Amino acid sequence: MSAAAPAGSDRTGAPESRPATFREVLAEREFRPLFGSYLLSTAGDELARVALTVLVYQRTSSPLLSAITFGISYLPWLLGGPLLSTLADRFPRHRVLITTDVARVVLVAGMAIPGTPLPVLLALLLLVALCAPPFESARSALMADVLDGDRYALATSLTNVGAQVAQVAGFVLAGSLVALFSPSAVLLLDAATFAVSALWLSARLQRRPAPAAEAGGEAGRSVWRDAGDGVRLIGRSPRLRAILVLTWVGTLFANAAEGIATPLVDGLGEGAAHVGVLLAANPLGVTVGGLLLARVLTQERRERLVPVLVVLSLLPILAAGLVTMWAGPGRGAYVLVVVLMFVAGLGASWTIPLNVAFVQAVPSAFRGRAFGVAVSGLYGVQGLGVLVAGLAAEGLPAGAVVALIGGTGLLAVVWPLLSYGRTQGHVAATATPAGRSVP
C-alpha cells in the first residue's frame, strides 16, 4: 500500500497544474459536513470547558483543581487514545463519527442537570472526552480519503484555522454566557452542537466500508495489535518521529499557561468575563498565522519556517509572565498580556505544516491508528502541561509560572528542532495491511 499522494499532486502522481483554492475545497460535498460539524463541536467544547473551569475555581479557589478541570479532557488521549483510535480503522468511519456525537449529546445533557455534584460533573466530562479519540481519528482519516493532493493540504490548513476561530468564538462567548446565565444553560448549548453535528454527518456523508476490510486486513485482529501497528509504523520512520517529538514538546509549553488562565487574570485585577478573552488571544493568533501560511506559502516553504515559528510561539509567553510579575494588577498589563498571547498564537501556526506533512505520509488504512498515536501524545502533553502549571501555581504567583513555562520551553525545543532539521527530505515508511514495512 502506498502512502497518500503528496501535496501538489493528484492521486495518479501527476503534478497539478495550479494550487488548490478555498472555493474548490469547500465545493467538495463531504468536506463541508466534516468541516462544519467539527467547528460546531469545537466551539461547544470551549463553552463547556470555560464554564466548568470558572465554576470549579469559584467553588474551591484552587488553581490546581481549576487546571484539572481544564485539562481533564486531554487525559483520555494519553490513557487510551491509541486503542480507541483503532475504531476509526476497524469500523466504517462515518458510523464512528455519528455514534460518538450521539453519545456526547447524552453525556453533556446529563452534565447540565442542575445540582449535579462536582465529582459527577468531572466523571461525565471524562466520559465525554473518551469519545474524542475515535471521533478525531475518523474525521482526520476520512478527510484524507475525501480530498487529495494540494486540496487536502489546503483543507487541513483551513480546518486548523477554522478550529482556532471556533475556539475564539467559544472562549469569548463562554466568558459572557457564564456571567449572564447558569453553567447548565451553557452545557445544554454544548449538547446542542453535538446533536446538530450528528444530524449533519448522517445526512451528508457517503457510506463507506471499514478501511481495514476494504484493504484486505485480517479478520478478528485485536485492538492491541492494531494499535501496535500504528506505533511501529511511526517507529520505523525518522521523519515521523522527529515531527511527533517536535509537536509534542512544542505544544507542551505553548499551551500549558491555559490551565492557569483564571488565576492569571485574577492576578491582573480582572474578572471572570476576561478569562475567555485571554484564552481566545492565542487561537486568534493561530487563525491569522494559519491563513497566511495556507494561501501565501507552499507546503515546502511552510516547513522551512517551522523553527522560527516555534521560537515565536514561546518567547511571548516568557514576556507575558514577566509583564505580569513586574507590572502587577491593571488594565494596561492585562491588555499587554493578551497581545503577547496573540503573538504567541501567530507562532503556534507551526502546527499546521507539520500536521499536513504527517498525515499525508501515512497509508490510508493506517491513518486512524497513526493519528491516534500522534494525537494521544499531543493531548497527553497538553493535559500534563496544564496540570503541572496548576500545581506550580499553588505555591508561586501565576505570572512567575507563565514566565517559567516560556523560558523552559525555549530551552526544551532546541534538540527537537535540530532533529527535525536533520530529517528534512526523509520519506516516511509505508506499510502493508499486516503492518510489515515495504522497502
Protein backbone atom coordinates (compact mmCIF):
# COMPACT_ATOMS: atom_id res chain seq x y z
CA MET A 1 0.00 0.00 0.00
CA SER A 2 1.46 3.35 -0.97
CA ALA A 3 1.43 6.49 1.11
CA ALA A 4 -1.03 9.26 0.42
CA ALA A 5 -0.24 11.46 -2.55
CA PRO A 6 1.96 14.42 -1.60
CA ALA A 7 0.71 17.95 -1.73
CA GLY A 8 0.87 19.27 -5.25
CA SER A 9 -0.06 16.02 -6.99
CA ASP A 10 -3.24 14.14 -7.77
CA ARG A 11 -3.92 10.51 -6.88
CA THR A 12 -2.17 9.30 -10.01
CA GLY A 13 1.04 11.12 -9.04
CA ALA A 14 0.82 13.64 -11.89
CA PRO A 15 1.68 17.21 -10.94
CA GLU A 16 -1.24 19.55 -10.55
CA SER A 17 -1.37 22.49 -12.95
CA ARG A 18 -2.07 25.07 -10.22
CA PRO A 19 -2.52 25.33 -6.45
CA ALA A 20 -5.89 24.48 -4.96
CA THR A 21 -8.24 27.23 -3.83
CA PHE A 22 -10.53 27.55 -0.81
CA ARG A 23 -13.53 27.53 -3.17
CA GLU A 24 -12.50 24.17 -4.64
CA VAL A 25 -12.06 22.66 -1.20
CA LEU A 26 -15.39 23.95 0.11
CA ALA A 27 -17.12 22.73 -3.05
CA GLU A 28 -16.41 19.12 -2.03
CA ARG A 29 -19.77 17.78 -0.79
CA GLU A 30 -18.39 15.62 2.04
CA PHE A 31 -15.82 18.11 3.24
CA ARG A 32 -18.49 20.65 4.22
CA PRO A 33 -20.12 18.49 6.95
CA LEU A 34 -16.72 17.27 8.16
CA PHE A 35 -15.56 20.87 8.43
CA GLY A 36 -18.76 22.45 9.73
CA SER A 37 -19.57 19.81 12.34
CA TYR A 38 -16.00 19.99 13.66
CA LEU A 39 -16.31 23.74 14.14
CA LEU A 40 -19.63 23.36 15.96
CA SER A 41 -18.26 20.73 18.31
CA THR A 42 -15.07 22.70 18.97
CA ALA A 43 -16.96 25.87 19.87
CA GLY A 44 -19.31 23.91 22.11
CA ASP A 45 -16.42 22.23 23.89
CA GLU A 46 -14.84 25.56 24.76
CA LEU A 47 -18.17 26.82 26.14
CA ALA A 48 -18.35 23.82 28.47
CA ARG A 49 -14.65 23.90 29.39
CA VAL A 50 -14.66 27.57 30.45
CA ALA A 51 -17.97 27.21 32.29
CA LEU A 52 -16.73 24.25 34.31
CA THR A 53 -13.30 25.80 34.95
CA VAL A 54 -14.80 29.01 36.32
CA LEU A 55 -17.36 27.04 38.34
CA VAL A 56 -14.69 24.90 40.00
CA TYR A 57 -12.46 27.90 40.76
CA GLN A 58 -15.41 29.80 42.27
CA ARG A 59 -16.32 26.83 44.47
CA THR A 60 -12.82 25.87 45.60
CA SER A 61 -10.48 28.89 44.94
CA SER A 62 -7.90 26.24 43.95
CA PRO A 63 -5.75 26.85 40.85
CA LEU A 64 -4.87 23.12 40.82
CA LEU A 65 -8.50 21.95 40.73
CA SER A 66 -9.28 24.59 38.12
CA ALA A 67 -6.39 23.31 35.98
CA ILE A 68 -7.51 19.70 36.47
CA THR A 69 -10.96 20.63 35.16
CA PHE A 70 -9.46 22.37 32.14
CA GLY A 71 -7.04 19.55 31.40
CA ILE A 72 -9.22 16.52 32.11
CA SER A 73 -10.50 16.39 28.52
CA TYR A 74 -6.93 15.78 27.31
CA LEU A 75 -6.22 12.77 29.54
CA PRO A 76 -8.23 10.07 27.68
CA TRP A 77 -5.92 10.56 24.69
CA LEU A 78 -2.97 9.72 26.91
CA LEU A 79 -4.65 6.82 28.71
CA GLY A 80 -6.50 5.14 25.84
CA GLY A 81 -6.10 7.18 22.66
CA PRO A 82 -4.09 4.64 20.62
CA LEU A 83 -6.59 1.88 21.44
CA LEU A 84 -9.75 3.95 20.95
CA SER A 85 -8.40 5.36 17.69
CA THR A 86 -8.25 1.88 16.16
CA LEU A 87 -12.05 2.08 15.92
CA ALA A 88 -11.57 4.56 13.05
CA ASP A 89 -9.89 1.78 11.03
CA ARG A 90 -11.94 -1.19 12.27
CA PHE A 91 -15.43 0.26 11.59
CA PRO A 92 -16.91 2.48 8.87
CA ARG A 93 -15.63 5.96 9.63
CA HIS A 94 -18.96 7.71 9.06
CA ARG A 95 -20.55 5.40 11.64
CA VAL A 96 -17.82 6.13 14.20
CA LEU A 97 -18.37 9.89 13.78
CA ILE A 98 -22.16 9.73 14.19
CA THR A 99 -22.12 7.30 17.13
CA THR A 100 -19.62 9.31 19.16
CA ASP A 101 -21.56 12.52 18.56
CA VAL A 102 -24.80 10.93 19.78
CA ALA A 103 -23.06 9.61 22.89
CA ARG A 104 -21.76 13.10 23.67
CA VAL A 105 -25.24 14.60 23.35
CA VAL A 106 -26.48 12.29 26.12
CA LEU A 107 -23.47 12.77 28.38
CA VAL A 108 -23.30 16.56 28.13
CA ALA A 109 -27.06 16.84 28.67
CA GLY A 110 -26.51 14.85 31.87
CA MET A 111 -23.89 17.37 32.97
CA ALA A 112 -26.45 20.15 32.51
CA ILE A 113 -28.79 18.80 35.19
CA PRO A 114 -28.87 21.48 37.96
CA GLY A 115 -27.32 20.49 41.26
CA THR A 116 -25.09 17.75 39.84
CA PRO A 117 -22.26 17.17 42.36
CA LEU A 118 -18.82 18.29 41.25
CA PRO A 119 -17.30 14.75 41.21
CA VAL A 120 -20.13 13.55 38.96
CA LEU A 121 -19.62 16.51 36.61
CA LEU A 122 -15.92 15.68 36.31
CA ALA A 123 -16.69 11.99 35.72
CA LEU A 124 -19.14 12.86 32.94
CA LEU A 125 -16.58 15.25 31.45
CA LEU A 126 -14.08 12.39 31.38
CA LEU A 127 -16.59 10.14 29.58
CA VAL A 128 -17.27 12.88 27.04
CA ALA A 129 -13.54 13.18 26.47
CA LEU A 130 -13.29 9.41 25.83
CA CYS A 131 -15.40 9.94 22.72
CA ALA A 132 -12.80 12.29 21.23
CA PRO A 133 -10.06 9.80 20.15
CA PRO A 134 -12.27 7.69 17.83
CA PHE A 135 -14.08 10.78 16.51
CA GLU A 136 -10.96 12.81 15.76
CA SER A 137 -9.13 9.86 14.24
CA ALA A 138 -12.06 9.01 11.98
CA ARG A 139 -12.56 12.63 10.93
CA SER A 140 -8.92 13.21 10.06
CA ALA A 141 -8.60 9.91 8.19
CA LEU A 142 -11.85 10.41 6.28
CA MET A 143 -10.84 13.90 5.20
CA ALA A 144 -7.71 12.44 3.59
CA ASP A 145 -9.97 9.95 1.75
CA VAL A 146 -12.30 12.69 0.51
CA LEU A 147 -9.63 15.15 -0.71
CA ASP A 148 -6.32 14.56 -2.44
CA GLY A 149 -3.12 16.41 -3.31
CA ASP A 150 -2.97 20.14 -2.63
CA ARG A 151 -6.71 20.19 -1.95
CA TYR A 152 -6.04 18.04 1.10
CA ALA A 153 -3.15 20.23 2.24
CA LEU A 154 -5.31 23.34 1.92
CA ALA A 155 -8.25 21.60 3.61
CA THR A 156 -6.04 20.68 6.56
CA SER A 157 -4.89 24.27 6.91
CA LEU A 158 -8.48 25.52 6.61
CA THR A 159 -9.64 23.03 9.26
CA ASN A 160 -6.89 24.08 11.67
CA VAL A 161 -7.69 27.74 11.11
CA GLY A 162 -11.40 27.09 11.46
CA ALA A 163 -10.81 25.26 14.72
CA GLN A 164 -8.96 28.27 16.07
CA VAL A 165 -11.84 30.56 15.03
CA ALA A 166 -14.26 28.21 16.77
CA GLN A 167 -12.09 28.28 19.88
CA VAL A 168 -12.02 32.09 19.82
CA ALA A 169 -15.81 32.22 19.45
CA GLY A 170 -16.29 29.59 22.15
CA PHE A 171 -13.95 31.25 24.63
CA VAL A 172 -15.33 34.75 24.07
CA LEU A 173 -18.95 33.59 24.22
CA ALA A 174 -18.20 31.45 27.27
CA GLY A 175 -16.99 34.39 29.31
CA SER A 176 -20.14 36.37 28.53
CA LEU A 177 -22.57 33.45 28.87
CA VAL A 178 -21.12 32.32 32.20
CA ALA A 179 -21.61 35.86 33.50
CA LEU A 180 -25.20 36.09 32.16
CA PHE A 181 -26.58 32.56 32.52
CA SER A 182 -26.10 29.42 34.58
CA PRO A 183 -23.49 26.77 33.77
CA SER A 184 -26.39 24.40 32.98
CA ALA A 185 -27.53 26.63 30.11
CA VAL A 186 -24.01 26.73 28.69
CA LEU A 187 -23.75 22.94 28.89
CA LEU A 188 -27.10 22.48 27.12
CA LEU A 189 -25.79 24.66 24.31
CA ASP A 190 -22.76 22.38 24.07
CA ALA A 191 -25.05 19.32 23.84
CA ALA A 192 -26.97 21.01 21.03
CA THR A 193 -23.77 21.43 18.98
CA PHE A 194 -23.16 17.68 19.12
CA ALA A 195 -26.76 16.96 18.11
CA VAL A 196 -26.52 19.22 15.05
CA SER A 197 -23.18 17.64 14.16
CA ALA A 198 -24.61 14.10 14.29
CA LEU A 199 -27.57 15.02 12.08
CA TRP A 200 -25.39 16.84 9.55
CA LEU A 201 -22.91 13.98 9.25
CA SER A 202 -25.66 11.40 8.96
CA ALA A 203 -27.32 13.29 6.12
CA ARG A 204 -24.25 14.17 4.05
CA LEU A 205 -21.51 11.56 4.42
CA GLN A 206 -21.12 8.74 1.92
CA ARG A 207 -21.41 5.24 3.38
CA ARG A 208 -18.01 3.54 3.02
CA PRO A 209 -16.87 0.12 4.30
CA ALA A 210 -14.42 -0.18 7.17
CA PRO A 211 -10.94 0.77 5.90
CA ALA A 212 -9.31 -2.39 7.26
CA ALA A 213 -11.83 -4.62 5.47
CA GLU A 214 -11.51 -2.63 2.26
CA ALA A 215 -7.72 -3.06 2.38
CA GLY A 216 -7.97 -6.80 2.94
CA GLY A 217 -6.94 -6.69 6.58
CA GLU A 218 -7.03 -9.72 8.82
CA ALA A 219 -10.36 -10.54 10.47
CA GLY A 220 -10.51 -10.88 14.22
CA ARG A 221 -7.40 -8.85 14.92
CA SER A 222 -7.24 -7.42 18.43
CA VAL A 223 -7.29 -3.70 19.08
CA TRP A 224 -3.94 -4.13 20.84
CA ARG A 225 -2.35 -5.47 17.65
CA ASP A 226 -3.93 -2.71 15.57
CA ALA A 227 -2.67 -0.07 17.98
CA GLY A 228 0.80 -1.65 17.88
CA ASP A 229 0.81 -1.39 14.08
CA GLY A 230 0.34 2.36 14.34
CA VAL A 231 3.20 2.69 16.82
CA ARG A 232 5.52 0.50 14.71
CA LEU A 233 4.73 2.47 11.55
CA ILE A 234 5.84 5.67 13.24
CA GLY A 235 8.82 3.98 14.88
CA ARG A 236 10.28 2.94 11.51
CA SER A 237 10.32 6.50 10.16
CA PRO A 238 12.89 9.01 11.49
CA ARG A 239 10.89 11.77 9.80
CA LEU A 240 7.61 10.89 11.52
CA ARG A 241 9.38 10.52 14.86
CA ALA A 242 11.03 13.93 14.50
CA ILE A 243 7.70 15.57 13.60
CA LEU A 244 5.97 13.99 16.59
CA VAL A 245 8.65 14.86 19.16
CA LEU A 246 8.77 18.48 17.99
CA THR A 247 4.97 18.71 18.03
CA TRP A 248 4.68 17.19 21.49
CA VAL A 249 7.45 19.22 23.14
CA GLY A 250 6.45 22.50 21.49
CA THR A 251 2.78 22.03 22.38
CA LEU A 252 3.58 21.05 25.96
CA PHE A 253 4.99 24.51 26.66
CA ALA A 254 2.93 26.56 24.19
CA ASN A 255 -0.39 25.55 25.80
CA ALA A 256 0.49 25.00 29.47
CA ALA A 257 -0.44 28.55 30.52
CA GLU A 258 -4.08 27.95 29.53
CA GLY A 259 -4.57 25.84 32.65
CA ILE A 260 -3.93 28.81 34.96
CA ALA A 261 -5.76 31.44 32.91
CA THR A 262 -8.30 32.08 35.68
CA PRO A 263 -5.76 32.81 38.46
CA LEU A 264 -3.59 34.74 35.97
CA VAL A 265 -6.50 37.04 35.08
CA ASP A 266 -7.36 37.34 38.76
CA GLY A 267 -3.78 38.41 39.47
CA LEU A 268 -4.06 41.07 36.77
CA GLY A 269 -7.09 42.51 38.55
CA GLU A 270 -9.76 41.42 36.04
CA GLY A 271 -12.91 39.31 36.43
CA ALA A 272 -14.26 36.03 35.07
CA ALA A 273 -15.58 37.61 31.85
CA HIS A 274 -11.98 38.46 30.87
CA VAL A 275 -10.80 34.84 31.15
CA GLY A 276 -12.41 33.98 27.82
CA VAL A 277 -10.76 36.94 26.09
CA LEU A 278 -7.31 35.93 27.33
CA LEU A 279 -7.86 32.30 26.28
CA ALA A 280 -9.10 33.46 22.85
CA ALA A 281 -5.96 35.52 22.10
CA ASN A 282 -3.72 32.54 21.28
CA PRO A 283 -6.13 30.72 18.94
CA LEU A 284 -6.91 34.04 17.26
CA GLY A 285 -3.20 34.40 16.52
CA VAL A 286 -3.11 30.86 15.14
CA THR A 287 -6.07 31.77 12.91
CA VAL A 288 -4.30 34.75 11.37
CA GLY A 289 -0.99 32.91 11.05
CA GLY A 290 -2.66 29.85 9.58
CA LEU A 291 -4.48 31.84 6.90
CA LEU A 292 -1.22 33.46 5.83
CA LEU A 293 0.60 30.13 5.73
CA ALA A 294 -2.20 28.42 3.79
CA ARG A 295 -2.56 30.91 0.96
CA VAL A 296 0.78 32.72 0.69
CA LEU A 297 3.33 29.91 1.03
CA THR A 298 3.80 26.44 -0.41
CA GLN A 299 3.99 23.44 1.93
CA GLU A 300 7.77 23.26 1.42
CA ARG A 301 8.23 26.88 2.47
CA ARG A 302 5.86 26.43 5.41
CA GLU A 303 8.06 23.62 6.71
CA ARG A 304 11.18 25.74 6.37
CA LEU A 305 9.60 28.41 8.59
CA VAL A 306 8.82 25.95 11.38
CA PRO A 307 11.94 26.67 13.55
CA VAL A 308 11.30 30.43 13.51
CA LEU A 309 7.62 29.95 14.29
CA VAL A 310 8.33 27.57 17.18
CA VAL A 311 10.53 30.18 18.85
CA LEU A 312 7.87 32.84 18.19
CA SER A 313 5.26 30.65 19.90
CA LEU A 314 7.24 30.56 23.17
CA LEU A 315 9.13 33.85 23.52
CA PRO A 316 5.97 35.98 24.03
CA ILE A 317 4.83 33.59 26.78
CA LEU A 318 8.04 34.32 28.68
CA ALA A 319 7.42 38.04 28.13
CA ALA A 320 3.79 37.76 29.30
CA GLY A 321 4.89 36.18 32.56
CA LEU A 322 7.50 38.87 33.16
CA VAL A 323 4.96 41.63 32.44
CA THR A 324 2.53 40.11 34.94
CA MET A 325 5.22 39.90 37.61
CA TRP A 326 6.60 43.40 37.12
CA ALA A 327 3.51 45.43 36.21
CA GLY A 328 1.05 43.96 38.71
CA PRO A 329 -2.74 44.40 38.55
CA GLY A 330 -4.08 46.84 35.98
CA ARG A 331 -5.97 47.08 32.71
CA GLY A 332 -2.83 48.07 30.77
CA ALA A 333 -0.92 44.98 31.93
CA TYR A 334 -3.89 42.77 31.09
CA VAL A 335 -4.13 44.18 27.54
CA LEU A 336 -0.38 43.73 27.00
CA VAL A 337 -0.57 40.10 28.15
CA VAL A 338 -3.46 39.47 25.74
CA VAL A 339 -1.43 40.99 22.88
CA LEU A 340 1.58 38.84 23.74
CA MET A 341 -0.58 35.71 23.76
CA PHE A 342 -1.89 36.69 20.33
CA VAL A 343 1.69 36.97 19.01
CA ALA A 344 2.47 33.56 20.54
CA GLY A 345 -0.51 32.24 18.60
CA LEU A 346 0.93 33.61 15.35
CA GLY A 347 3.99 31.50 16.03
CA ALA A 348 1.93 28.47 17.05
CA SER A 349 0.68 28.14 13.46
CA TRP A 350 3.77 25.92 13.01
CA THR A 351 1.49 23.00 13.85
CA ILE A 352 -0.30 23.37 10.50
CA PRO A 353 2.56 22.41 8.14
CA LEU A 354 3.64 19.60 10.47
CA ASN A 355 0.09 18.24 10.56
CA VAL A 356 -0.08 18.18 6.77
CA ALA A 357 3.34 16.51 6.45
CA PHE A 358 2.48 13.83 9.00
CA VAL A 359 -0.98 12.79 7.83
CA GLN A 360 -0.11 12.71 4.14
CA ALA A 361 2.84 10.40 4.80
CA VAL A 362 0.69 7.67 6.37
CA PRO A 363 -1.14 4.99 4.29
CA SER A 364 -4.93 5.34 4.23
CA ALA A 365 -5.74 2.12 6.12
CA PHE A 366 -3.36 3.16 8.93
CA ARG A 367 -4.37 6.80 9.27
CA GLY A 368 -6.75 6.26 12.16
CA ARG A 369 -4.15 4.39 14.20
CA ALA A 370 -1.23 6.67 13.35
CA PHE A 371 -3.33 9.75 14.02
CA GLY A 372 -4.41 8.21 17.32
CA VAL A 373 -0.81 7.76 18.43
CA ALA A 374 0.11 11.30 17.38
CA VAL A 375 -2.87 13.00 18.98
CA SER A 376 -2.73 10.82 22.09
CA GLY A 377 0.71 12.18 22.77
CA LEU A 378 -0.40 15.68 21.82
CA TYR A 379 -3.37 15.76 24.18
CA GLY A 380 -1.39 13.91 26.81
CA VAL A 381 1.31 16.59 26.94
CA GLN A 382 -1.35 19.32 26.87
CA GLY A 383 -3.04 17.78 29.87
CA LEU A 384 0.28 17.27 31.62
CA GLY A 385 1.28 20.87 30.90
CA VAL A 386 -1.83 22.44 32.38
CA LEU A 387 -1.74 20.15 35.41
CA VAL A 388 1.90 20.94 36.17
CA ALA A 389 1.18 24.64 35.68
CA GLY A 390 -1.73 24.40 38.10
CA LEU A 391 0.39 22.56 40.65
CA ALA A 392 3.17 25.17 40.36
CA ALA A 393 0.62 27.97 40.78
CA GLU A 394 -0.36 26.55 44.18
CA GLY A 395 2.98 27.82 45.52
CA LEU A 396 4.05 30.52 43.03
CA PRO A 397 2.32 33.59 41.54
CA ALA A 398 0.64 32.78 38.24
CA GLY A 399 2.85 35.29 36.41
CA ALA A 400 6.02 33.56 37.63
CA VAL A 401 4.69 30.20 36.45
CA VAL A 402 3.94 31.62 32.98
CA ALA A 403 7.47 33.06 32.75
CA LEU A 404 8.94 29.67 33.73
CA ILE A 405 6.82 27.95 31.07
CA GLY A 406 8.08 30.25 28.32
CA GLY A 407 11.74 30.18 29.36
CA THR A 408 11.89 26.43 29.91
CA GLY A 409 10.06 25.83 26.64
CA LEU A 410 12.65 27.79 24.65
CA LEU A 411 15.39 25.54 26.01
CA ALA A 412 13.40 22.32 25.63
CA VAL A 413 12.68 22.74 21.89
CA VAL A 414 16.35 23.08 20.86
CA TRP A 415 17.03 19.34 20.48
CA PRO A 416 13.69 18.54 18.74
CA LEU A 417 14.32 21.38 16.27
CA LEU A 418 17.78 20.02 15.47
CA SER A 419 16.36 16.52 14.94
CA TYR A 420 13.61 17.91 12.74
CA GLY A 421 16.15 19.76 10.60
CA ARG A 422 18.29 16.63 10.15
CA THR A 423 15.34 14.59 8.87
CA GLN A 424 14.01 17.10 6.35
CA GLY A 425 13.78 15.37 2.98
CA HIS A 426 13.32 11.90 4.52
CA VAL A 427 10.34 9.87 3.33
CA ALA A 428 8.05 8.22 5.85
CA ALA A 429 7.78 4.43 5.94
CA THR A 430 4.86 2.74 4.25
CA ALA A 431 3.30 -0.48 5.43
CA THR A 432 1.31 -3.47 4.33
CA PRO A 433 -2.06 -4.23 5.93
CA ALA A 434 -0.31 -6.71 8.21
CA GLY A 435 1.99 -3.98 9.47
CA ARG A 436 5.22 -5.07 7.70
CA SER A 437 7.39 -2.38 6.22
CA VAL A 438 7.76 -2.10 2.49
CA PRO A 439 11.27 -1.50 1.18
